[in-house]
Amino acid sequence: PGAAQQFIEQARSRYDELLSRYPAAFADHGAEFFSGPGDQAQRALELALANLDRRPTERAYLVAIEVAQSAGHSDVACTLARNVGTDTANRVLRTRVRSTLDGC
């Protein structure tokens, strides 16, 4: 556990550096990291929404919905899922949207 925490801290430091230099390039990956082992749910949500605003791709929607749910912002996840709808061709996103909408 001690070694794992050290690696998480190193990753956090590196993401901070990358996000300050290249925010558009690393926002989605940063959102995933801070939503998980980085343990900063609000920061993760901010990054995911900024990424979605810059490029509203299927992946950006998927990350934003997942991060919103894990951050406890089901209202945001529901709004995003409604924006995508269930007719998306991306099977993973379609499944996430349906399961999100079931809980709205």
PDB file of N, CA and C in Angstrom:
ATOM      1  N   PRO A   1       0.809  -1.222   0.000  1.00  0.00           N
ATOM      2  CA  PRO A   1       0.000   0.000   0.000  1.00  0.00           C
ATOM      3  C   PRO A   1       0.844   1.276   0.000  1.00  0.00           C
ATOM      4  N   GLY A   2       1.957   1.276   0.723  1.00  0.00           N
ATOM      5  CA  GLY A   2       2.797   2.467   0.752  1.00  0.00           C
ATOM      6  C   GLY A   2       3.404   2.772  -0.607  1.00  0.00           C
ATOM      7  N   ALA A   3       3.859   1.739  -1.288  1.00  0.00           N
ATOM      8  CA  ALA A   3       4.442   1.923  -2.607  1.00  0.00           C
ATOM      9  C   ALA A   3       3.380   2.377  -3.606  1.00  0.00           C
ATOM     10  N   ALA A   4       2.180   1.826  -3.496  1.00  0.00           N
ATOM     11  CA  ALA A   4       1.100   2.222  -4.391  1.00  0.00           C
ATOM     12  C   ALA A   4       0.787   3.701  -4.217  1.00  0.00           C
ATOM     13  N   GLN A   5       0.739   4.152  -2.975  1.00  0.00           N
ATOM     14  CA  GLN A   5       0.451   5.565  -2.720  1.00  0.00           C
ATOM     15  C   GLN A   5       1.537   6.459  -3.311  1.00  0.00           C
ATOM     16  N   GLN A   6       2.769   6.007  -3.239  1.00  0.00           N
ATOM     17  CA  GLN A   6       3.876   6.766  -3.820  1.00  0.00           C
ATOM     18  C   GLN A   6       3.691   6.909  -5.336  1.00  0.00           C
ATOM     19  N   PHE A   7       3.291   5.830  -5.999  1.00  0.00           N
ATOM     20  CA  PHE A   7       3.060   5.882  -7.442  1.00  0.00           C
ATOM     21  C   PHE A   7       1.881   6.786  -7.780  1.00  0.00           C
ATOM     22  N   ILE A   8       0.850   6.757  -6.961  1.00  0.00           N
ATOM     23  CA  ILE A   8      -0.304   7.635  -7.185  1.00  0.00           C
ATOM     24  C   ILE A   8       0.121   9.089  -7.063  1.00  0.00           C
ATOM     25  N   GLU A   9       0.927   9.392  -6.064  1.00  0.00           N
ATOM     26  CA  GLU A   9       1.405  10.768  -5.887  1.00  0.00           C
ATOM     27  C   GLU A   9       2.270  11.208  -7.070  1.00  0.00           C
ATOM     28  N   GLN A  10       3.093  10.308  -7.568  1.00  0.00           N
ATOM     29  CA  GLN A  10       3.907  10.627  -8.740  1.00  0.00           C
ATOM     30  C   GLN A  10       3.014  10.883  -9.958  1.00  0.00           C
ATOM     31  N   ALA A  11       2.005  10.050 -10.133  1.00  0.00           N
ATOM     32  CA  ALA A  11       1.081  10.231 -11.255  1.00  0.00           C
ATOM     33  C   ALA A  11       0.316  11.542 -11.105  1.00  0.00           C
ATOM     34  N   ARG A  12      -0.124  11.854  -9.890  1.00  0.00           N
ATOM     35  CA  ARG A  12      -0.844  13.104  -9.650  1.00  0.00           C
ATOM     36  C   ARG A  12       0.032  14.298 -10.026  1.00  0.00           C
ATOM     37  N   SER A  13       1.275  14.257  -9.610  1.00  0.00           N
ATOM     38  CA  SER A  13       2.210  15.341  -9.915  1.00  0.00           C
ATOM     39  C   SER A  13       2.414  15.478 -11.421  1.00  0.00           C
ATOM     40  N   ARG A  14       2.539  14.361 -12.082  1.00  0.00           N
ATOM     41  CA  ARG A  14       2.751  14.385 -13.528  1.00  0.00           C
ATOM     42  C   ARG A  14       1.507  14.891 -14.261  1.00  0.00           C
ATOM     43  N   TYR A  15       0.324  14.449 -13.822  1.00  0.00           N
ATOM     44  CA  TYR A  15      -0.909  14.955 -14.445  1.00  0.00           C
ATOM     45  C   TYR A  15      -1.036  16.460 -14.219  1.00  0.00           C
ATOM     46  N   ASP A  16      -0.698  16.931 -13.035  1.00  0.00           N
ATOM     47  CA  ASP A  16      -0.744  18.375 -12.780  1.00  0.00           C
ATOM     48  C   ASP A  16       0.129  19.124 -13.782  1.00  0.00           C
ATOM     49  N   GLU A  17       1.314  18.601 -14.008  1.00  0.00           N
ATOM     50  CA  GLU A  17       2.245  19.222 -14.945  1.00  0.00           C
ATOM     51  C   GLU A  17       1.705  19.183 -16.373  1.00  0.00           C
ATOM     52  N   LEU A  18       1.248  18.014 -16.802  1.00  0.00           N
ATOM     53  CA  LEU A  18       0.726  17.879 -18.159  1.00  0.00           C
ATOM     54  C   LEU A  18      -0.511  18.738 -18.390  1.00  0.00           C
ATOM     55  N   LEU A  19      -1.398  18.781 -17.402  1.00  0.00           N
ATOM     56  CA  LEU A  19      -2.620  19.564 -17.544  1.00  0.00           C
ATOM     57  C   LEU A  19      -2.348  21.060 -17.569  1.00  0.00           C
ATOM     58  N   SER A  20      -1.303  21.482 -16.879  1.00  0.00           N
ATOM     59  CA  SER A  20      -0.976  22.909 -16.920  1.00  0.00           C
ATOM     60  C   SER A  20      -0.357  23.299 -18.265  1.00  0.00           C
ATOM     61  N   ARG A  21       0.346  22.360 -18.896  1.00  0.00           N
ATOM     62  CA  ARG A  21       0.989  22.654 -20.178  1.00  0.00           C
ATOM     63  C   ARG A  21       0.099  22.351 -21.376  1.00  0.00           C
ATOM     64  N   TYR A  22      -0.669  21.274 -21.297  1.00  0.00           N
ATOM     65  CA  TYR A  22      -1.479  20.815 -22.427  1.00  0.00           C
ATOM     66  C   TYR A  22      -2.886  20.419 -21.961  1.00  0.00           C
ATOM     67  N   PRO A  23      -3.649  21.373 -21.501  1.00  0.00           N
ATOM     68  CA  PRO A  23      -4.955  21.020 -20.915  1.00  0.00           C
ATOM     69  C   PRO A  23      -5.900  20.301 -21.886  1.00  0.00           C
ATOM     70  N   ALA A  24      -5.924  20.700 -23.121  1.00  0.00           N
ATOM     71  CA  ALA A  24      -6.836  20.068 -24.078  1.00  0.00           C
ATOM     72  C   ALA A  24      -6.431  18.630 -24.392  1.00  0.00           C
ATOM     73  N   ALA A  25      -5.152  18.370 -24.392  1.00  0.00           N
ATOM     74  CA  ALA A  25      -4.667  17.040 -24.754  1.00  0.00           C
ATOM     75  C   ALA A  25      -4.843  16.008 -23.650  1.00  0.00           C
ATOM     76  N   PHE A  26      -4.864  16.454 -22.402  1.00  0.00           N
ATOM     77  CA  PHE A  26      -4.877  15.496 -21.295  1.00  0.00           C
ATOM     78  C   PHE A  26      -6.102  15.589 -20.400  1.00  0.00           C
ATOM     79  N   ALA A  27      -7.091  16.397 -20.765  1.00  0.00           N
ATOM     80  CA  ALA A  27      -8.263  16.566 -19.903  1.00  0.00           C
ATOM     81  C   ALA A  27      -9.021  15.260 -19.699  1.00  0.00           C
ATOM     82  N   ASP A  28      -9.207  14.480 -20.764  1.00  0.00           N
ATOM     83  CA  ASP A  28      -9.966  13.235 -20.606  1.00  0.00           C
ATOM     84  C   ASP A  28      -9.213  12.221 -19.758  1.00  0.00           C
ATOM     85  N   HIS A  29      -7.922  12.079 -19.999  1.00  0.00           N
ATOM     86  CA  HIS A  29      -7.126  11.134 -19.207  1.00  0.00           C
ATOM     87  C   HIS A  29      -7.009  11.611 -17.760  1.00  0.00           C
ATOM     88  N   GLY A  30      -6.843  12.909 -17.590  1.00  0.00           N
ATOM     89  CA  GLY A  30      -6.794  13.469 -16.236  1.00  0.00           C
ATOM     90  C   GLY A  30      -8.097  13.236 -15.501  1.00  0.00           C
ATOM     91  N   ALA A  31      -9.217  13.393 -16.201  1.00  0.00           N
ATOM     92  CA  ALA A  31     -10.521  13.157 -15.577  1.00  0.00           C
ATOM     93  C   ALA A  31     -10.632  11.717 -15.100  1.00  0.00           C
ATOM     94  N   GLU A  32     -10.194  10.784 -15.923  1.00  0.00           N
ATOM     95  CA  GLU A  32     -10.243   9.371 -15.524  1.00  0.00           C
ATOM     96  C   GLU A  32      -9.341   9.102 -14.323  1.00  0.00           C
ATOM     97  N   PHE A  33      -8.151   9.678 -14.337  1.00  0.00           N
ATOM     98  CA  PHE A  33      -7.228   9.468 -13.220  1.00  0.00           C
ATOM     99  C   PHE A  33      -7.778  10.065 -11.924  1.00  0.00           C
ATOM    100  N   PHE A  34      -8.224  11.317 -11.981  1.00  0.00           N
ATOM    101  CA  PHE A  34      -8.683  11.978 -10.761  1.00  0.00           C
ATOM    102  C   PHE A  34     -10.019  11.424 -10.282  1.00  0.00           C
ATOM    103  N   SER A  35     -10.754  10.780 -11.160  1.00  0.00           N
ATOM    104  CA  SER A  35     -11.989  10.121 -10.760  1.00  0.00           C
ATOM    105  C   SER A  35     -11.704   8.802 -10.044  1.00  0.00           C
ATOM    106  N   GLY A  36     -10.567   8.215 -10.340  1.00  0.00           N
ATOM    107  CA  GLY A  36     -10.193   6.925  -9.749  1.00  0.00           C
ATOM    108  C   GLY A  36      -9.117   7.078  -8.693  1.00  0.00           C
ATOM    109  N   PRO A  37      -7.919   6.609  -8.996  1.00  0.00           N
ATOM    110  CA  PRO A  37      -6.865   6.615  -7.982  1.00  0.00           C
ATOM    111  C   PRO A  37      -6.437   8.006  -7.529  1.00  0.00           C
ATOM    112  N   GLY A  38      -6.625   9.010  -8.362  1.00  0.00           N
ATOM    113  CA  GLY A  38      -6.262  10.379  -7.985  1.00  0.00           C
ATOM    114  C   GLY A  38      -7.164  10.960  -6.920  1.00  0.00           C
ATOM    115  N   ASP A  39      -8.347  10.381  -6.749  1.00  0.00           N
ATOM    116  CA  ASP A  39      -9.275  10.667  -5.658  1.00  0.00           C
ATOM    117  C   ASP A  39      -9.603  12.154  -5.494  1.00  0.00           C
ATOM    118  N   GLN A  40      -9.923  12.800  -6.620  1.00  0.00           N
ATOM    119  CA  GLN A  40     -10.372  14.201  -6.597  1.00  0.00           C
ATOM    120  C   GLN A  40     -11.567  14.315  -7.537  1.00  0.00           C
ATOM    121  N   ALA A  41     -12.717  13.873  -7.045  1.00  0.00           N
ATOM    122  CA  ALA A  41     -13.914  13.741  -7.873  1.00  0.00           C
ATOM    123  C   ALA A  41     -14.345  15.057  -8.513  1.00  0.00           C
ATOM    124  N   GLN A  42     -14.305  16.141  -7.765  1.00  0.00           N
ATOM    125  CA  GLN A  42     -14.753  17.413  -8.325  1.00  0.00           C
ATOM    126  C   GLN A  42     -13.812  17.877  -9.438  1.00  0.00           C
ATOM    127  N   ARG A  43     -12.530  17.711  -9.231  1.00  0.00           N
ATOM    128  CA  ARG A  43     -11.569  18.076 -10.274  1.00  0.00           C
ATOM    129  C   ARG A  43     -11.785  17.205 -11.510  1.00  0.00           C
ATOM    130  N   ALA A  44     -12.035  15.934 -11.293  1.00  0.00           N
ATOM    131  CA  ALA A  44     -12.288  15.023 -12.408  1.00  0.00           C
ATOM    132  C   ALA A  44     -13.490  15.485 -13.219  1.00  0.00           C
ATOM    133  N   LEU A  45     -14.544  15.879 -12.527  1.00  0.00           N
ATOM    134  CA  LEU A  45     -15.743  16.330 -13.229  1.00  0.00           C
ATOM    135  C   LEU A  45     -15.468  17.607 -14.013  1.00  0.00           C
ATOM    136  N   GLU A  46     -14.753  18.527 -13.434  1.00  0.00           N
ATOM    137  CA  GLU A  46     -14.410  19.767 -14.140  1.00  0.00           C
ATOM    138  C   GLU A  46     -13.608  19.475 -15.407  1.00  0.00           C
ATOM    139  N   LEU A  47     -12.650  18.574 -15.297  1.00  0.00           N
ATOM    140  CA  LEU A  47     -11.844  18.205 -16.461  1.00  0.00           C
ATOM    141  C   LEU A  47     -12.690  17.518 -17.529  1.00  0.00           C
ATOM    142  N   ALA A  48     -13.562  16.604 -17.109  1.00  0.00           N
ATOM    143  CA  ALA A  48     -14.399  15.880 -18.070  1.00  0.00           C
ATOM    144  C   ALA A  48     -15.342  16.828 -18.800  1.00  0.00           C
ATOM    145  N   LEU A  49     -15.921  17.771 -18.074  1.00  0.00           N
ATOM    146  CA  LEU A  49     -16.843  18.715 -18.714  1.00  0.00           C
ATOM    147  C   LEU A  49     -16.103  19.696 -19.622  1.00  0.00           C
ATOM    148  N   ALA A  50     -14.906  20.109 -19.218  1.00  0.00           N
ATOM    149  CA  ALA A  50     -14.099  20.985 -20.077  1.00  0.00           C
ATOM    150  C   ALA A  50     -13.711  20.253 -21.360  1.00  0.00           C
ATOM    151  N   ASN A  51     -13.360  18.986 -21.231  1.00  0.00           N
ATOM    152  CA  ASN A  51     -13.014  18.181 -22.393  1.00  0.00           C
ATOM    153  C   ASN A  51     -14.221  18.047 -23.315  1.00  0.00           C
ATOM    154  N   LEU A  52     -15.385  17.773 -22.743  1.00  0.00           N
ATOM    155  CA  LEU A  52     -16.602  17.631 -23.530  1.00  0.00           C
ATOM    156  C   LEU A  52     -16.954  18.935 -24.244  1.00  0.00           C
ATOM    157  N   ASP A  53     -16.735  20.040 -23.572  1.00  0.00           N
ATOM    158  CA  ASP A  53     -17.010  21.343 -24.180  1.00  0.00           C
ATOM    159  C   ASP A  53     -16.091  21.597 -25.376  1.00  0.00           C
ATOM    160  N   ARG A  54     -14.824  21.186 -25.248  1.00  0.00           N
ATOM    161  CA  ARG A  54     -13.852  21.392 -26.332  1.00  0.00           C
ATOM    162  C   ARG A  54     -14.101  20.479 -27.518  1.00  0.00           C
ATOM    163  N   ARG A  55     -14.444  19.241 -27.199  1.00  0.00           N
ATOM    164  CA  ARG A  55     -14.666  18.277 -28.288  1.00  0.00           C
ATOM    165  C   ARG A  55     -15.765  17.288 -27.876  1.00  0.00           C
ATOM    166  N   PRO A  56     -16.954  17.524 -28.337  1.00  0.00           N
ATOM    167  CA  PRO A  56     -18.090  16.682 -27.957  1.00  0.00           C
ATOM    168  C   PRO A  56     -18.127  15.359 -28.725  1.00  0.00           C
ATOM    169  N   THR A  57     -17.138  14.537 -28.482  1.00  0.00           N
ATOM    170  CA  THR A  57     -17.057  13.233 -29.129  1.00  0.00           C
ATOM    171  C   THR A  57     -17.769  12.188 -28.272  1.00  0.00           C
ATOM    172  N   GLU A  58     -17.963  11.013 -28.841  1.00  0.00           N
ATOM    173  CA  GLU A  58     -18.585   9.931 -28.083  1.00  0.00           C
ATOM    174  C   GLU A  58     -17.747   9.569 -26.859  1.00  0.00           C
ATOM    175  N   ARG A  59     -16.432   9.519 -27.034  1.00  0.00           N
ATOM    176  CA  ARG A  59     -15.558   9.215 -25.892  1.00  0.00           C
ATOM    177  C   ARG A  59     -15.681  10.287 -24.818  1.00  0.00           C
ATOM    178  N   ALA A  60     -15.733  11.540 -25.215  1.00  0.00           N
ATOM    179  CA  ALA A  60     -15.855  12.628 -24.246  1.00  0.00           C
ATOM    180  C   ALA A  60     -17.156  12.511 -23.457  1.00  0.00           C
ATOM    181  N   TYR A  61     -18.246  12.164 -24.141  1.00  0.00           N
ATOM    182  CA  TYR A  61     -19.513  11.955 -23.442  1.00  0.00           C
ATOM    183  C   TYR A  61     -19.418  10.775 -22.484  1.00  0.00           C
ATOM    184  N   LEU A  62     -18.821   9.691 -22.931  1.00  0.00           N
ATOM    185  CA  LEU A  62     -18.688   8.505 -22.087  1.00  0.00           C
ATOM    186  C   LEU A  62     -17.906   8.829 -20.818  1.00  0.00           C
ATOM    187  N   VAL A  63     -16.772   9.477 -20.977  1.00  0.00           N
ATOM    188  CA  VAL A  63     -15.956   9.845 -19.813  1.00  0.00           C
ATOM    189  C   VAL A  63     -16.734  10.778 -18.893  1.00  0.00           C
ATOM    190  N   ALA A  64     -17.389  11.774 -19.456  1.00  0.00           N
ATOM    191  CA  ALA A  64     -18.114  12.750 -18.643  1.00  0.00           C
ATOM    192  C   ALA A  64     -19.257  12.091 -17.861  1.00  0.00           C
ATOM    193  N   ILE A  65     -19.997  11.208 -18.497  1.00  0.00           N
ATOM    194  CA  ILE A  65     -21.093  10.522 -17.807  1.00  0.00           C
ATOM    195  C   ILE A  65     -20.552   9.656 -16.684  1.00  0.00           C
ATOM    196  N   GLU A  66     -19.509   8.885 -16.974  1.00  0.00           N
ATOM    197  CA  GLU A  66     -18.937   8.004 -15.943  1.00  0.00           C
ATOM    198  C   GLU A  66     -18.372   8.801 -14.776  1.00  0.00           C
ATOM    199  N   VAL A  67     -17.668   9.882 -15.076  1.00  0.00           N
ATOM    200  CA  VAL A  67     -17.080  10.711 -14.023  1.00  0.00           C
ATOM    201  C   VAL A  67     -18.174  11.385 -13.198  1.00  0.00           C
ATOM    202  N   ALA A  68     -19.203  11.887 -13.862  1.00  0.00           N
ATOM    203  CA  ALA A  68     -20.309  12.527 -13.134  1.00  0.00           C
ATOM    204  C   ALA A  68     -20.968  11.537 -12.186  1.00  0.00           C
ATOM    205  N   GLN A  69     -21.187  10.323 -12.641  1.00  0.00           N
ATOM    206  CA  GLN A  69     -21.796   9.310 -11.782  1.00  0.00           C
ATOM    207  C   GLN A  69     -20.900   8.978 -10.596  1.00  0.00           C
ATOM    208  N   SER A  70     -19.627   8.782 -10.850  1.00  0.00           N
ATOM    209  CA  SER A  70     -18.731   8.420  -9.754  1.00  0.00           C
ATOM    210  C   SER A  70     -18.509   9.571  -8.780  1.00  0.00           C
ATOM    211  N   ALA A  71     -18.723  10.803  -9.255  1.00  0.00           N
ATOM    212  CA  ALA A  71     -18.587  11.976  -8.379  1.00  0.00           C
ATOM    213  C   ALA A  71     -19.870  12.248  -7.602  1.00  0.00           C
ATOM    214  N   GLY A  72     -20.908  11.452  -7.858  1.00  0.00           N
ATOM    215  CA  GLY A  72     -22.160  11.642  -7.146  1.00  0.00           C
ATOM    216  C   GLY A  72     -23.052  12.720  -7.738  1.00  0.00           C
ATOM    217  N   HIS A  73     -22.797  13.091  -8.975  1.00  0.00           N
ATOM    218  CA  HIS A  73     -23.596  14.110  -9.660  1.00  0.00           C
ATOM    219  C   HIS A  73     -24.499  13.432 -10.679  1.00  0.00           C
ATOM    220  N   SER A  74     -25.468  12.681 -10.177  1.00  0.00           N
ATOM    221  CA  SER A  74     -26.356  11.949 -11.080  1.00  0.00           C
ATOM    222  C   SER A  74     -27.178  12.894 -11.947  1.00  0.00           C
ATOM    223  N   ASP A  75     -27.459  14.099 -11.451  1.00  0.00           N
ATOM    224  CA  ASP A  75     -28.199  15.068 -12.258  1.00  0.00           C
ATOM    225  C   ASP A  75     -27.421  15.457 -13.504  1.00  0.00           C
ATOM    226  N   VAL A  76     -26.124  15.642 -13.357  1.00  0.00           N
ATOM    227  CA  VAL A  76     -25.266  15.974 -14.496  1.00  0.00           C
ATOM    228  C   VAL A  76     -25.194  14.777 -15.447  1.00  0.00           C
ATOM    229  N   ALA A  77     -25.014  13.578 -14.883  1.00  0.00           N
ATOM    230  CA  ALA A  77     -24.950  12.370 -15.710  1.00  0.00           C
ATOM    231  C   ALA A  77     -26.245  12.186 -16.494  1.00  0.00           C
ATOM    232  N   CYS A  78     -27.385  12.438 -15.861  1.00  0.00           N
ATOM    233  CA  CYS A  78     -28.676  12.302 -16.547  1.00  0.00           C
ATOM    234  C   CYS A  78     -28.807  13.307 -17.683  1.00  0.00           C
ATOM    235  N   THR A  79     -28.413  14.542 -17.432  1.00  0.00           N
ATOM    236  CA  THR A  79     -28.472  15.560 -18.485  1.00  0.00           C
ATOM    237  C   THR A  79     -27.596  15.178 -19.662  1.00  0.00           C
ATOM    238  N   LEU A  80     -26.395  14.729 -19.385  1.00  0.00           N
ATOM    239  CA  LEU A  80     -25.488  14.321 -20.460  1.00  0.00           C
ATOM    240  C   LEU A  80     -26.047  13.139 -21.228  1.00  0.00           C
ATOM    241  N   ALA A  81     -26.585  12.164 -20.517  1.00  0.00           N
ATOM    242  CA  ALA A  81     -27.146  10.980 -21.175  1.00  0.00           C
ATOM    243  C   ALA A  81     -28.322  11.372 -22.061  1.00  0.00           C
ATOM    244  N   ARG A  82     -29.145  12.290 -21.600  1.00  0.00           N
ATOM    245  CA  ARG A  82     -30.269  12.751 -22.427  1.00  0.00           C
ATOM    246  C   ARG A  82     -29.761  13.454 -23.688  1.00  0.00           C
ATOM    247  N   ASN A  83     -28.666  14.201 -23.556  1.00  0.00           N
ATOM    248  CA  ASN A  83     -28.088  14.891 -24.716  1.00  0.00           C
ATOM    249  C   ASN A  83     -27.591  13.905 -25.766  1.00  0.00           C
ATOM    250  N   VAL A  84     -27.069  12.777 -25.325  1.00  0.00           N
ATOM    251  CA  VAL A  84     -26.567  11.768 -26.263  1.00  0.00           C
ATOM    252  C   VAL A  84     -27.725  11.004 -26.882  1.00  0.00           C
ATOM    253  N   GLY A  85     -28.653  10.557 -26.061  1.00  0.00           N
ATOM    254  CA  GLY A  85     -29.752   9.725 -26.538  1.00  0.00           C
ATOM    255  C   GLY A  85     -29.319   8.284 -26.705  1.00  0.00           C
ATOM    256  N   THR A  86     -30.262   7.437 -26.992  1.00  0.00           N
ATOM    257  CA  THR A  86     -29.969   5.999 -27.072  1.00  0.00           C
ATOM    258  C   THR A  86     -29.752   5.500 -28.492  1.00  0.00           C
ATOM    259  N   ASP A  87     -29.717   6.405 -29.453  1.00  0.00           N
ATOM    260  CA  ASP A  87     -29.525   5.963 -30.836  1.00  0.00           C
ATOM    261  C   ASP A  87     -28.086   6.094 -31.312  1.00  0.00           C
ATOM    262  N   THR A  88     -27.157   6.338 -30.389  1.00  0.00           N
ATOM    263  CA  THR A  88     -25.750   6.435 -30.762  1.00  0.00           C
ATOM    264  C   THR A  88     -25.238   5.088 -31.285  1.00  0.00           C
ATOM    265  N   ALA A  89     -24.350   5.135 -32.245  1.00  0.00           N
ATOM    266  CA  ALA A  89     -23.808   3.916 -32.838  1.00  0.00           C
ATOM    267  C   ALA A  89     -22.793   3.238 -31.924  1.00  0.00           C
ATOM    268  N   ASN A  90     -22.211   3.992 -31.003  1.00  0.00           N
ATOM    269  CA  ASN A  90     -21.202   3.441 -30.099  1.00  0.00           C
ATOM    270  C   ASN A  90     -21.895   2.566 -29.058  1.00  0.00           C
ATOM    271  N   ARG A  91     -21.628   1.271 -29.116  1.00  0.00           N
ATOM    272  CA  ARG A  91     -22.305   0.306 -28.245  1.00  0.00           C
ATOM    273  C   ARG A  91     -22.019   0.549 -26.767  1.00  0.00           C
ATOM    274  N   VAL A  92     -20.775   0.863 -26.437  1.00  0.00           N
ATOM    275  CA  VAL A  92     -20.411   1.104 -25.039  1.00  0.00           C
ATOM    276  C   VAL A  92     -21.127   2.348 -24.516  1.00  0.00           C
ATOM    277  N   LEU A  93     -21.117   3.407 -25.298  1.00  0.00           N
ATOM    278  CA  LEU A  93     -21.804   4.635 -24.894  1.00  0.00           C
ATOM    279  C   LEU A  93     -23.306   4.404 -24.803  1.00  0.00           C
ATOM    280  N   ARG A  94     -23.868   3.687 -25.768  1.00  0.00           N
ATOM    281  CA  ARG A  94     -25.309   3.412 -25.761  1.00  0.00           C
ATOM    282  C   ARG A  94     -25.703   2.647 -24.491  1.00  0.00           C
ATOM    283  N   THR A  95     -24.900   1.668 -24.109  1.00  0.00           N
ATOM    284  CA  THR A  95     -25.167   0.904 -22.888  1.00  0.00           C
ATOM    285  C   THR A  95     -25.076   1.792 -21.660  1.00  0.00           C
ATOM    286  N   ARG A  96     -24.069   2.663 -21.608  1.00  0.00           N
ATOM    287  CA  ARG A  96     -23.901   3.575 -20.469  1.00  0.00           C
ATOM    288  C   ARG A  96     -25.064   4.559 -20.408  1.00  0.00           C
ATOM    289  N   VAL A  97     -25.473   5.071 -21.553  1.00  0.00           N
ATOM    290  CA  VAL A  97     -26.590   6.011 -21.595  1.00  0.00           C
ATOM    291  C   VAL A  97     -27.861   5.344 -21.085  1.00  0.00           C
ATOM    292  N   ARG A  98     -28.138   4.143 -21.562  1.00  0.00           N
ATOM    293  CA  ARG A  98     -29.356   3.429 -21.121  1.00  0.00           C
ATOM    294  C   ARG A  98     -29.333   3.171 -19.621  1.00  0.00           C
ATOM    295  N   SER A  99     -28.206   2.711 -19.117  1.00  0.00           N
ATOM    296  CA  SER A  99     -28.155   2.422 -17.667  1.00  0.00           C
ATOM    297  C   SER A  99     -28.249   3.724 -16.855  1.00  0.00           C
ATOM    298  N   THR A 100     -27.693   4.787 -17.369  1.00  0.00           N
ATOM    299  CA  THR A 100     -27.794   6.082 -16.682  1.00  0.00           C
ATOM    300  C   THR A 100     -29.229   6.566 -16.679  1.00  0.00           C
ATOM    301  N   LEU A 101     -29.876   6.510 -17.829  1.00  0.00           N
ATOM    302  CA  LEU A 101     -31.252   6.988 -17.942  1.00  0.00           C
ATOM    303  C   LEU A 101     -32.211   6.139 -17.085  1.00  0.00           C
ATOM    304  N   ASP A 102     -31.901   4.871 -16.895  1.00  0.00           N
ATOM    305  CA  ASP A 102     -32.732   4.024 -16.031  1.00  0.00           C
ATOM    306  C   ASP A 102     -32.755   4.551 -14.591  1.00  0.00           C
ATOM    307  N   GLY A 103     -31.681   5.218 -14.198  1.00  0.00           N
ATOM    308  CA  GLY A 103     -31.596   5.742 -12.841  1.00  0.00           C
ATOM    309  C   GLY A 103     -32.033   7.196 -12.696  1.00  0.00           C
ATOM    310  N   CYS A 104     -32.452   7.819 -13.796  1.00  0.00           N
ATOM    311  CA  CYS A 104     -32.828   9.243 -13.735  1.00  0.00           C
ATOM    312  C   CYS A 104     -34.257   9.448 -13.273  1.00  0.00           C
TER     313      CYS A 104
END
